[in-house]
Amino acid sequence: MTLDQQQPNENAGTSGWPFGDGVGESKVGTTFTPSVTAAIAKFTFKLRKFGTPSDNVKVELYTNLADAPNTLLATATEQVAGTDIPAGTTFTEYDFNFPNGPQLTAETTYWIVVSRTGSLDANNYYSVKDYLSSLDGYPRGVLHDLNSGVWTQYDGPNFNDFYFKEYCITPSGVVSSVPDYSFRFRDQVTAY
């Protein structure tokens, strides 16, 4: 298994992107662009909850069409129970595996969608860790949410991106170099 894409930046504190909260943000998703043609293996996100949701969080992989999810390619085998996700200010990292996942094509846009299995609830919902900056934390994809049935992107003048890691099963003979979109803040911002 090889780490292919990632957006490792995150804002300090409790900043996150809510979903399943009854305000209209029923689902959240991000587009991403693999660098190699390979089978998807795993996605990693950081989650927390508000209130006491009793359903689960699930993750699905889609093709892209006209900047919206199109064909469902796979659903992660794991669902994380709301009772296992911490409340308060703590985000915890969770893996969502795709055993025998579909092969993704290099330099092609795909969607990863995070949602809840139960009904929207304004008092009991979830949040995924994100990164808000005037710099594009992940230039190979864009954060979206599904609000009142419409996918809306958040891409400038300030950029929002999930904290995520995408792993693939690397074909033999392929050496993958993982782009690192993290930033250091000093007198100026320098990518490293």
N, C-alpha and C. Protein backbone atom coordinates (compact mmCIF):
# COMPACT_ATOMS: atom_id res chain seq x y z
N MET A 1 0.85 -1.18 0.00
CA MET A 1 0.00 0.00 0.00
C MET A 1 0.89 1.24 0.00
N THR A 2 0.55 2.21 -0.83
CA THR A 2 1.36 3.42 -0.98
C THR A 2 0.50 4.66 -0.80
N LEU A 3 1.02 5.61 -0.04
CA LEU A 3 0.36 6.90 0.09
C LEU A 3 0.52 7.64 -1.23
N ASP A 4 -0.60 7.98 -1.87
CA ASP A 4 -0.53 8.65 -3.17
C ASP A 4 -0.86 10.13 -3.05
N GLN A 5 -2.01 10.47 -2.49
CA GLN A 5 -2.42 11.87 -2.35
C GLN A 5 -2.65 12.18 -0.88
N GLN A 6 -2.38 13.43 -0.51
CA GLN A 6 -2.66 13.84 0.86
C GLN A 6 -2.81 15.35 0.94
N GLN A 7 -3.54 15.77 1.94
CA GLN A 7 -3.62 17.17 2.32
C GLN A 7 -3.44 17.16 3.83
N PRO A 8 -2.18 17.30 4.31
CA PRO A 8 -1.88 17.12 5.73
C PRO A 8 -2.04 18.36 6.59
N ASN A 9 -2.35 19.49 5.97
CA ASN A 9 -2.51 20.72 6.75
C ASN A 9 -3.82 20.70 7.52
N GLU A 10 -3.83 21.35 8.66
CA GLU A 10 -5.07 21.53 9.41
C GLU A 10 -4.96 22.78 10.26
N ASN A 11 -6.08 23.46 10.43
CA ASN A 11 -6.10 24.63 11.29
C ASN A 11 -6.10 24.19 12.74
N ALA A 12 -5.48 24.98 13.58
CA ALA A 12 -5.44 24.67 15.00
C ALA A 12 -6.84 24.77 15.60
N GLY A 13 -7.03 24.06 16.69
CA GLY A 13 -8.29 24.19 17.43
C GLY A 13 -9.41 23.35 16.87
N THR A 14 -10.61 23.88 16.98
CA THR A 14 -11.82 23.10 16.72
C THR A 14 -12.36 23.24 15.31
N SER A 15 -11.63 23.95 14.44
CA SER A 15 -12.12 24.17 13.08
C SER A 15 -12.38 22.86 12.35
N GLY A 16 -13.56 22.74 11.76
CA GLY A 16 -13.91 21.56 10.99
C GLY A 16 -15.10 21.88 10.10
N TRP A 17 -15.43 20.94 9.21
CA TRP A 17 -16.53 21.14 8.28
C TRP A 17 -17.68 20.22 8.69
N PRO A 18 -18.82 20.80 9.15
CA PRO A 18 -19.92 19.97 9.64
C PRO A 18 -20.68 19.28 8.50
N PHE A 19 -21.28 18.14 8.85
CA PHE A 19 -22.18 17.48 7.90
C PHE A 19 -23.23 16.69 8.67
N GLY A 20 -24.38 16.52 8.02
CA GLY A 20 -25.49 15.79 8.63
C GLY A 20 -26.18 16.56 9.73
N ASP A 21 -26.09 17.91 9.66
CA ASP A 21 -26.55 18.73 10.79
C ASP A 21 -27.93 19.34 10.62
N GLY A 22 -28.59 19.06 9.54
CA GLY A 22 -29.93 19.57 9.38
C GLY A 22 -30.00 20.98 8.84
N VAL A 23 -28.86 21.64 8.67
CA VAL A 23 -28.83 22.98 8.12
C VAL A 23 -28.81 22.91 6.60
N GLY A 24 -28.65 21.75 6.06
CA GLY A 24 -28.58 21.57 4.62
C GLY A 24 -27.32 20.88 4.18
N GLU A 25 -26.29 20.88 5.05
CA GLU A 25 -25.03 20.22 4.70
C GLU A 25 -25.15 18.74 5.01
N SER A 26 -25.86 18.04 4.14
CA SER A 26 -26.14 16.63 4.42
C SER A 26 -24.93 15.74 4.18
N LYS A 27 -24.08 16.13 3.22
CA LYS A 27 -22.87 15.37 2.91
C LYS A 27 -21.74 16.34 2.63
N VAL A 28 -20.50 15.86 2.79
CA VAL A 28 -19.33 16.63 2.38
C VAL A 28 -18.49 15.74 1.48
N GLY A 29 -17.76 16.36 0.60
CA GLY A 29 -16.92 15.58 -0.31
C GLY A 29 -15.75 16.41 -0.79
N THR A 30 -14.78 15.72 -1.31
CA THR A 30 -13.67 16.41 -1.95
C THR A 30 -13.32 15.69 -3.24
N THR A 31 -12.95 16.45 -4.24
CA THR A 31 -12.38 15.84 -5.42
C THR A 31 -10.90 15.61 -5.16
N PHE A 32 -10.35 14.62 -5.84
CA PHE A 32 -8.91 14.36 -5.74
C PHE A 32 -8.46 13.77 -7.06
N THR A 33 -7.17 13.85 -7.33
CA THR A 33 -6.61 13.41 -8.60
C THR A 33 -5.43 12.49 -8.34
N PRO A 34 -5.58 11.18 -8.53
CA PRO A 34 -4.46 10.26 -8.31
C PRO A 34 -3.29 10.56 -9.25
N SER A 35 -2.09 10.26 -8.79
CA SER A 35 -0.91 10.48 -9.62
C SER A 35 -0.49 9.22 -10.37
N VAL A 36 -1.03 8.06 -9.96
CA VAL A 36 -0.71 6.80 -10.63
C VAL A 36 -2.00 6.05 -10.93
N THR A 37 -1.95 5.19 -11.95
CA THR A 37 -3.07 4.30 -12.23
C THR A 37 -2.90 3.08 -11.33
N ALA A 38 -3.83 2.93 -10.39
CA ALA A 38 -3.70 1.88 -9.38
C ALA A 38 -5.04 1.70 -8.68
N ALA A 39 -5.18 0.58 -7.98
CA ALA A 39 -6.40 0.31 -7.22
C ALA A 39 -6.40 1.14 -5.94
N ILE A 40 -7.55 1.71 -5.64
CA ILE A 40 -7.71 2.45 -4.37
C ILE A 40 -7.66 1.45 -3.23
N ALA A 41 -6.99 1.84 -2.12
CA ALA A 41 -6.87 0.93 -0.98
C ALA A 41 -7.52 1.50 0.28
N LYS A 42 -7.30 2.79 0.53
CA LYS A 42 -7.75 3.35 1.81
C LYS A 42 -7.80 4.86 1.75
N PHE A 43 -8.74 5.44 2.49
CA PHE A 43 -8.80 6.88 2.75
C PHE A 43 -8.77 7.09 4.25
N THR A 44 -8.10 8.14 4.67
CA THR A 44 -8.03 8.50 6.09
C THR A 44 -8.53 9.91 6.28
N PHE A 45 -9.41 10.09 7.27
CA PHE A 45 -9.95 11.41 7.64
C PHE A 45 -9.87 11.57 9.14
N LYS A 46 -10.03 12.82 9.60
CA LYS A 46 -10.18 13.11 11.02
C LYS A 46 -11.61 13.57 11.27
N LEU A 47 -12.26 12.97 12.27
CA LEU A 47 -13.66 13.25 12.56
C LEU A 47 -13.86 13.62 14.02
N ARG A 48 -14.93 14.35 14.28
CA ARG A 48 -15.46 14.54 15.63
C ARG A 48 -16.97 14.68 15.52
N LYS A 49 -17.64 14.70 16.68
CA LYS A 49 -19.11 14.79 16.65
C LYS A 49 -19.57 15.92 17.54
N PHE A 50 -20.81 16.33 17.30
CA PHE A 50 -21.52 17.28 18.13
C PHE A 50 -22.75 16.57 18.69
N GLY A 51 -22.99 16.70 19.96
CA GLY A 51 -24.12 16.02 20.57
C GLY A 51 -23.84 14.53 20.70
N THR A 52 -24.90 13.73 20.50
CA THR A 52 -24.78 12.28 20.65
C THR A 52 -25.41 11.54 19.47
N PRO A 53 -24.86 11.70 18.27
CA PRO A 53 -25.42 10.97 17.14
C PRO A 53 -25.27 9.46 17.35
N SER A 54 -26.28 8.71 16.96
CA SER A 54 -26.27 7.27 17.20
C SER A 54 -26.16 6.45 15.92
N ASP A 55 -26.01 7.12 14.78
CA ASP A 55 -25.85 6.39 13.53
C ASP A 55 -24.36 6.25 13.21
N ASN A 56 -24.02 6.01 11.95
CA ASN A 56 -22.64 5.79 11.54
C ASN A 56 -22.20 6.81 10.49
N VAL A 57 -20.87 6.93 10.32
CA VAL A 57 -20.29 7.72 9.23
C VAL A 57 -19.80 6.74 8.17
N LYS A 58 -20.14 7.02 6.92
CA LYS A 58 -19.71 6.16 5.81
C LYS A 58 -18.96 6.99 4.76
N VAL A 59 -18.18 6.29 3.94
CA VAL A 59 -17.37 6.94 2.90
C VAL A 59 -17.58 6.21 1.58
N GLU A 60 -17.82 6.99 0.52
CA GLU A 60 -18.08 6.43 -0.81
C GLU A 60 -17.18 7.09 -1.85
N LEU A 61 -16.84 6.33 -2.87
CA LEU A 61 -15.98 6.78 -3.96
C LEU A 61 -16.80 6.88 -5.24
N TYR A 62 -16.70 8.01 -5.93
CA TYR A 62 -17.49 8.26 -7.15
C TYR A 62 -16.60 8.76 -8.29
N THR A 63 -17.11 8.59 -9.50
CA THR A 63 -16.54 9.29 -10.64
C THR A 63 -17.02 10.74 -10.59
N ASN A 64 -16.44 11.57 -11.44
CA ASN A 64 -16.81 12.98 -11.51
C ASN A 64 -17.51 13.26 -12.84
N LEU A 65 -18.57 14.06 -12.78
CA LEU A 65 -19.23 14.53 -13.99
C LEU A 65 -19.75 15.93 -13.72
N ALA A 66 -19.28 16.90 -14.48
CA ALA A 66 -19.74 18.29 -14.37
C ALA A 66 -19.61 18.79 -12.93
N ASP A 67 -18.48 18.48 -12.29
CA ASP A 67 -18.17 18.95 -10.94
C ASP A 67 -19.17 18.47 -9.90
N ALA A 68 -19.61 17.22 -10.05
CA ALA A 68 -20.50 16.58 -9.07
C ALA A 68 -20.23 15.08 -9.09
N PRO A 69 -20.51 14.38 -7.98
CA PRO A 69 -20.35 12.93 -8.00
C PRO A 69 -21.28 12.30 -9.03
N ASN A 70 -20.80 11.27 -9.73
CA ASN A 70 -21.61 10.65 -10.77
C ASN A 70 -21.86 9.19 -10.45
N THR A 71 -21.00 8.29 -10.90
CA THR A 71 -21.20 6.86 -10.70
C THR A 71 -20.52 6.39 -9.42
N LEU A 72 -21.26 5.68 -8.58
CA LEU A 72 -20.68 5.11 -7.36
C LEU A 72 -19.77 3.96 -7.76
N LEU A 73 -18.47 4.07 -7.40
CA LEU A 73 -17.50 3.03 -7.71
C LEU A 73 -17.32 2.03 -6.58
N ALA A 74 -17.37 2.52 -5.33
CA ALA A 74 -17.13 1.64 -4.19
C ALA A 74 -17.56 2.34 -2.90
N THR A 75 -17.87 1.54 -1.91
CA THR A 75 -18.17 2.03 -0.56
C THR A 75 -17.17 1.39 0.39
N ALA A 76 -16.58 2.18 1.28
CA ALA A 76 -15.63 1.64 2.24
C ALA A 76 -16.29 0.57 3.10
N THR A 77 -15.54 -0.47 3.42
CA THR A 77 -16.12 -1.56 4.21
C THR A 77 -16.43 -1.13 5.64
N GLU A 78 -15.63 -0.19 6.18
CA GLU A 78 -15.87 0.29 7.54
C GLU A 78 -16.88 1.42 7.54
N GLN A 79 -17.73 1.40 8.55
CA GLN A 79 -18.51 2.56 8.93
C GLN A 79 -18.12 2.84 10.38
N VAL A 80 -17.91 4.10 10.71
CA VAL A 80 -17.52 4.45 12.08
C VAL A 80 -18.78 4.82 12.85
N ALA A 81 -18.99 4.16 13.97
CA ALA A 81 -20.17 4.42 14.80
C ALA A 81 -20.05 5.77 15.49
N GLY A 82 -21.14 6.53 15.47
CA GLY A 82 -21.15 7.83 16.14
C GLY A 82 -20.78 7.72 17.61
N THR A 83 -21.14 6.61 18.23
CA THR A 83 -20.81 6.43 19.65
C THR A 83 -19.31 6.28 19.88
N ASP A 84 -18.55 5.94 18.82
CA ASP A 84 -17.09 5.78 18.95
C ASP A 84 -16.32 7.05 18.60
N ILE A 85 -16.99 8.05 18.05
CA ILE A 85 -16.32 9.29 17.65
C ILE A 85 -16.34 10.27 18.82
N PRO A 86 -15.20 10.91 19.14
CA PRO A 86 -15.18 11.82 20.28
C PRO A 86 -15.97 13.10 20.03
N ALA A 87 -16.50 13.65 21.10
CA ALA A 87 -17.18 14.95 21.05
C ALA A 87 -16.20 16.01 21.53
N GLY A 88 -16.66 17.24 21.55
CA GLY A 88 -15.81 18.32 22.05
C GLY A 88 -14.85 18.81 20.99
N THR A 89 -13.62 19.10 21.38
CA THR A 89 -12.66 19.74 20.48
C THR A 89 -11.70 18.77 19.83
N THR A 90 -11.81 17.48 20.14
CA THR A 90 -10.84 16.51 19.65
C THR A 90 -11.28 15.88 18.34
N PHE A 91 -10.38 15.90 17.36
CA PHE A 91 -10.58 15.15 16.11
C PHE A 91 -9.74 13.89 16.17
N THR A 92 -10.30 12.78 15.74
CA THR A 92 -9.58 11.51 15.74
C THR A 92 -9.49 10.99 14.32
N GLU A 93 -8.34 10.41 13.97
CA GLU A 93 -8.12 9.89 12.63
C GLU A 93 -8.74 8.51 12.48
N TYR A 94 -9.45 8.31 11.37
CA TYR A 94 -10.09 7.03 11.07
C TYR A 94 -9.73 6.59 9.66
N ASP A 95 -9.52 5.28 9.50
CA ASP A 95 -9.24 4.69 8.20
C ASP A 95 -10.53 4.10 7.62
N PHE A 96 -10.73 4.32 6.33
CA PHE A 96 -11.85 3.74 5.60
C PHE A 96 -11.25 2.93 4.45
N ASN A 97 -11.32 1.61 4.56
CA ASN A 97 -10.65 0.71 3.63
C ASN A 97 -11.54 0.31 2.46
N PHE A 98 -10.88 0.09 1.32
CA PHE A 98 -11.52 -0.38 0.10
C PHE A 98 -10.82 -1.65 -0.37
N PRO A 99 -11.04 -2.79 0.31
CA PRO A 99 -10.40 -4.03 -0.15
C PRO A 99 -10.90 -4.39 -1.55
N ASN A 100 -9.98 -4.80 -2.38
CA ASN A 100 -10.32 -5.08 -3.79
C ASN A 100 -10.97 -3.86 -4.44
N GLY A 101 -10.46 -2.68 -4.08
CA GLY A 101 -11.02 -1.43 -4.60
C GLY A 101 -10.82 -1.30 -6.10
N PRO A 102 -11.62 -0.47 -6.74
CA PRO A 102 -11.50 -0.30 -8.20
C PRO A 102 -10.20 0.39 -8.57
N GLN A 103 -9.76 0.13 -9.78
CA GLN A 103 -8.57 0.80 -10.29
C GLN A 103 -8.94 2.22 -10.70
N LEU A 104 -8.16 3.18 -10.22
CA LEU A 104 -8.34 4.58 -10.59
C LEU A 104 -7.28 4.96 -11.61
N THR A 105 -7.64 5.85 -12.51
CA THR A 105 -6.75 6.26 -13.59
C THR A 105 -6.00 7.53 -13.20
N ALA A 106 -4.70 7.52 -13.43
CA ALA A 106 -3.86 8.68 -13.11
C ALA A 106 -4.38 9.93 -13.79
N GLU A 107 -4.27 11.05 -13.09
CA GLU A 107 -4.62 12.38 -13.60
C GLU A 107 -6.10 12.48 -13.99
N THR A 108 -6.95 11.71 -13.33
CA THR A 108 -8.39 11.76 -13.53
C THR A 108 -9.05 12.17 -12.22
N THR A 109 -10.05 13.02 -12.29
CA THR A 109 -10.72 13.52 -11.09
C THR A 109 -11.75 12.52 -10.58
N TYR A 110 -11.69 12.26 -9.26
CA TYR A 110 -12.66 11.41 -8.58
C TYR A 110 -13.20 12.15 -7.36
N TRP A 111 -14.26 11.61 -6.79
CA TRP A 111 -14.87 12.16 -5.58
C TRP A 111 -14.78 11.15 -4.45
N ILE A 112 -14.52 11.65 -3.25
CA ILE A 112 -14.69 10.87 -2.04
C ILE A 112 -15.72 11.62 -1.21
N VAL A 113 -16.81 10.94 -0.84
CA VAL A 113 -17.95 11.58 -0.18
C VAL A 113 -18.12 10.99 1.22
N VAL A 114 -18.25 11.86 2.21
CA VAL A 114 -18.43 11.46 3.60
C VAL A 114 -19.85 11.86 4.02
N SER A 115 -20.58 10.91 4.60
CA SER A 115 -21.96 11.20 5.00
C SER A 115 -22.34 10.35 6.21
N ARG A 116 -23.52 10.60 6.72
CA ARG A 116 -24.03 9.80 7.83
C ARG A 116 -25.07 8.82 7.31
N THR A 117 -25.28 7.75 8.07
CA THR A 117 -26.25 6.74 7.64
C THR A 117 -27.66 7.06 8.11
N GLY A 118 -27.78 7.95 9.10
CA GLY A 118 -29.09 8.29 9.65
C GLY A 118 -29.62 9.61 9.10
N SER A 119 -30.66 10.12 9.74
CA SER A 119 -31.31 11.35 9.32
C SER A 119 -30.53 12.58 9.76
N LEU A 120 -30.74 13.69 9.06
CA LEU A 120 -30.15 14.96 9.47
C LEU A 120 -30.67 15.34 10.84
N ASP A 121 -29.79 15.95 11.65
CA ASP A 121 -30.16 16.30 13.02
C ASP A 121 -29.36 17.53 13.43
N ALA A 122 -30.04 18.63 13.68
CA ALA A 122 -29.37 19.89 13.99
C ALA A 122 -28.65 19.87 15.34
N ASN A 123 -28.93 18.90 16.18
CA ASN A 123 -28.30 18.82 17.50
C ASN A 123 -27.26 17.71 17.61
N ASN A 124 -27.34 16.73 16.75
CA ASN A 124 -26.46 15.57 16.81
C ASN A 124 -25.91 15.30 15.41
N TYR A 125 -24.66 15.67 15.17
CA TYR A 125 -24.09 15.58 13.83
C TYR A 125 -22.57 15.42 13.92
N TYR A 126 -21.89 15.51 12.78
CA TYR A 126 -20.46 15.23 12.69
C TYR A 126 -19.71 16.39 12.03
N SER A 127 -18.38 16.31 12.14
CA SER A 127 -17.52 17.29 11.48
C SER A 127 -16.25 16.59 11.02
N VAL A 128 -15.77 16.97 9.85
CA VAL A 128 -14.50 16.45 9.33
C VAL A 128 -13.47 17.57 9.42
N LYS A 129 -12.24 17.23 9.81
CA LYS A 129 -11.18 18.24 9.96
C LYS A 129 -10.86 18.84 8.62
N ASP A 130 -10.74 20.17 8.58
CA ASP A 130 -10.44 20.84 7.32
C ASP A 130 -9.29 21.82 7.50
N TYR A 131 -8.98 22.49 6.42
CA TYR A 131 -7.90 23.47 6.40
C TYR A 131 -8.38 24.67 5.60
N LEU A 132 -8.48 25.82 6.24
CA LEU A 132 -8.90 27.06 5.60
C LEU A 132 -7.71 27.99 5.51
N SER A 133 -7.42 28.46 4.30
CA SER A 133 -6.25 29.32 4.10
C SER A 133 -6.43 30.12 2.81
N SER A 134 -5.69 31.20 2.70
CA SER A 134 -5.66 31.94 1.44
C SER A 134 -4.81 31.20 0.41
N LEU A 135 -4.06 30.20 0.86
CA LEU A 135 -3.27 29.35 -0.03
C LEU A 135 -4.05 28.07 -0.29
N ASP A 136 -3.91 27.51 -1.47
CA ASP A 136 -4.60 26.28 -1.80
C ASP A 136 -3.84 25.10 -1.21
N GLY A 137 -4.39 24.52 -0.13
CA GLY A 137 -3.72 23.42 0.55
C GLY A 137 -3.61 22.17 -0.29
N TYR A 138 -4.56 21.96 -1.18
CA TYR A 138 -4.55 20.79 -2.06
C TYR A 138 -5.01 21.21 -3.45
N PRO A 139 -4.07 21.56 -4.34
CA PRO A 139 -4.44 22.08 -5.66
C PRO A 139 -4.99 21.02 -6.63
N ARG A 140 -5.00 19.75 -6.23
CA ARG A 140 -5.48 18.68 -7.11
C ARG A 140 -6.92 18.27 -6.79
N GLY A 141 -7.62 19.11 -6.03
CA GLY A 141 -9.01 18.82 -5.69
C GLY A 141 -9.63 19.96 -4.91
N VAL A 142 -10.95 19.87 -4.69
CA VAL A 142 -11.70 20.95 -4.05
C VAL A 142 -12.72 20.37 -3.09
N LEU A 143 -12.87 20.98 -1.91
CA LEU A 143 -13.89 20.60 -0.95
C LEU A 143 -15.26 21.09 -1.43
N HIS A 144 -16.29 20.25 -1.23
CA HIS A 144 -17.67 20.59 -1.57
C HIS A 144 -18.57 20.15 -0.42
N ASP A 145 -19.75 20.75 -0.35
CA ASP A 145 -20.79 20.15 0.49
C ASP A 145 -22.09 20.09 -0.29
N LEU A 146 -22.92 19.14 0.12
CA LEU A 146 -24.23 18.98 -0.51
C LEU A 146 -25.23 19.75 0.34
N ASN A 147 -25.67 20.88 -0.20
CA ASN A 147 -26.54 21.78 0.53
C ASN A 147 -27.85 21.92 -0.23
N SER A 148 -28.92 21.44 0.37
CA SER A 148 -30.25 21.48 -0.26
C SER A 148 -30.23 20.85 -1.64
N GLY A 149 -29.50 19.75 -1.78
CA GLY A 149 -29.48 18.99 -3.03
C GLY A 149 -28.50 19.48 -4.07
N VAL A 150 -27.72 20.53 -3.76
CA VAL A 150 -26.77 21.10 -4.72
C VAL A 150 -25.35 21.00 -4.15
N TRP A 151 -24.42 20.46 -4.94
CA TRP A 151 -23.02 20.42 -4.53
C TRP A 151 -22.38 21.78 -4.75
N THR A 152 -21.86 22.37 -3.67
CA THR A 152 -21.24 23.70 -3.72
C THR A 152 -19.77 23.57 -3.39
N GLN A 153 -18.92 24.20 -4.21
CA GLN A 153 -17.48 24.10 -3.96
C GLN A 153 -16.98 25.32 -3.19
N TYR A 154 -15.88 25.11 -2.47
CA TYR A 154 -15.28 26.16 -1.65
C TYR A 154 -13.82 26.29 -2.07
N ASP A 155 -13.59 27.19 -3.03
CA ASP A 155 -12.28 27.27 -3.67
C ASP A 155 -11.95 28.71 -4.02
N GLY A 156 -11.64 29.52 -3.01
CA GLY A 156 -11.20 30.89 -3.23
C GLY A 156 -12.32 31.89 -3.05
N PRO A 157 -11.98 33.14 -2.60
CA PRO A 157 -10.61 33.62 -2.40
C PRO A 157 -9.89 32.92 -1.26
N ASN A 158 -10.65 32.37 -0.28
CA ASN A 158 -10.03 31.48 0.70
C ASN A 158 -10.38 30.05 0.32
N PHE A 159 -9.44 29.16 0.55
CA PHE A 159 -9.59 27.77 0.14
C PHE A 159 -9.89 26.89 1.34
N ASN A 160 -10.82 25.98 1.18
CA ASN A 160 -11.09 24.96 2.17
C ASN A 160 -10.71 23.62 1.57
N ASP A 161 -10.01 22.80 2.36
CA ASP A 161 -9.66 21.45 1.95
C ASP A 161 -9.78 20.53 3.15
N PHE A 162 -10.18 19.28 2.92
CA PHE A 162 -10.15 18.27 3.97
C PHE A 162 -8.70 17.98 4.36
N TYR A 163 -8.53 17.59 5.62
CA TYR A 163 -7.35 16.83 5.99
C TYR A 163 -7.64 15.40 5.51
N PHE A 164 -6.79 14.85 4.64
CA PHE A 164 -7.02 13.48 4.18
C PHE A 164 -5.72 12.85 3.70
N LYS A 165 -5.76 11.52 3.62
CA LYS A 165 -4.70 10.73 3.00
C LYS A 165 -5.37 9.68 2.12
N GLU A 166 -4.84 9.51 0.91
CA GLU A 166 -5.37 8.52 -0.02
C GLU A 166 -4.27 7.52 -0.35
N TYR A 167 -4.57 6.24 -0.14
CA TYR A 167 -3.59 5.18 -0.38
C TYR A 167 -4.05 4.31 -1.54
N CYS A 168 -3.08 3.81 -2.30
CA CYS A 168 -3.39 2.92 -3.41
C CYS A 168 -2.51 1.68 -3.33
N ILE A 169 -2.90 0.67 -4.09
CA ILE A 169 -2.05 -0.51 -4.27
C ILE A 169 -1.17 -0.20 -5.47
N THR A 170 0.09 0.06 -5.23
CA THR A 170 0.98 0.49 -6.30
C THR A 170 1.31 -0.67 -7.22
N PRO A 171 1.11 -0.49 -8.53
CA PRO A 171 1.51 -1.55 -9.46
C PRO A 171 3.01 -1.81 -9.36
N SER A 172 3.42 -3.07 -9.56
CA SER A 172 4.84 -3.38 -9.45
C SER A 172 5.63 -2.58 -10.48
N GLY A 173 6.79 -2.14 -10.06
CA GLY A 173 7.66 -1.37 -10.94
C GLY A 173 7.38 0.11 -10.96
N VAL A 174 6.33 0.56 -10.27
CA VAL A 174 6.00 1.98 -10.24
C VAL A 174 6.50 2.58 -8.95
N VAL A 175 7.26 3.64 -9.07
CA VAL A 175 7.72 4.37 -7.89
C VAL A 175 6.84 5.60 -7.74
N SER A 176 6.16 5.70 -6.62
CA SER A 176 5.24 6.82 -6.40
C SER A 176 5.90 7.86 -5.53
N SER A 177 5.85 9.10 -5.96
CA SER A 177 6.31 10.19 -5.11
C SER A 177 5.08 10.94 -4.64
N VAL A 178 4.95 11.06 -3.33
CA VAL A 178 3.77 11.68 -2.75
C VAL A 178 3.96 13.18 -2.71
N PRO A 179 3.08 13.95 -3.36
CA PRO A 179 3.18 15.40 -3.24
C PRO A 179 2.85 15.83 -1.81
N ASP A 180 3.66 16.72 -1.27
CA ASP A 180 3.44 17.21 0.08
C ASP A 180 2.98 18.66 -0.04
N TYR A 181 1.69 18.89 0.26
CA TYR A 181 1.14 20.23 0.14
C TYR A 181 1.10 20.95 1.48
N SER A 182 1.94 20.52 2.42
CA SER A 182 1.98 21.22 3.70
C SER A 182 2.81 22.49 3.55
N PHE A 183 2.57 23.42 4.46
CA PHE A 183 3.23 24.71 4.39
C PHE A 183 3.86 25.06 5.72
N ARG A 184 4.95 25.85 5.67
CA ARG A 184 5.56 26.41 6.87
C ARG A 184 5.30 27.91 6.85
N PHE A 185 4.87 28.43 7.98
CA PHE A 185 4.60 29.85 8.08
C PHE A 185 5.73 30.51 8.86
N ARG A 186 6.51 31.35 8.19
CA ARG A 186 7.55 32.13 8.83
C ARG A 186 7.36 33.56 8.34
N ASP A 187 8.44 34.21 7.88
CA ASP A 187 8.30 35.54 7.31
C ASP A 187 7.52 35.46 6.00
N GLN A 188 7.60 34.31 5.37
CA GLN A 188 6.82 34.08 4.17
C GLN A 188 6.41 32.60 4.17
N VAL A 189 5.55 32.26 3.27
CA VAL A 189 5.10 30.88 3.21
C VAL A 189 5.94 30.15 2.17
N THR A 190 6.50 29.02 2.59
CA THR A 190 7.34 28.25 1.70
C THR A 190 6.85 26.82 1.67
N ALA A 191 6.60 26.29 0.50
CA ALA A 191 6.23 24.87 0.40
C ALA A 191 7.46 24.04 0.60
N TYR A 192 7.31 22.94 1.32
CA TYR A 192 8.44 22.03 1.52
C TYR A 192 8.03 20.60 1.31
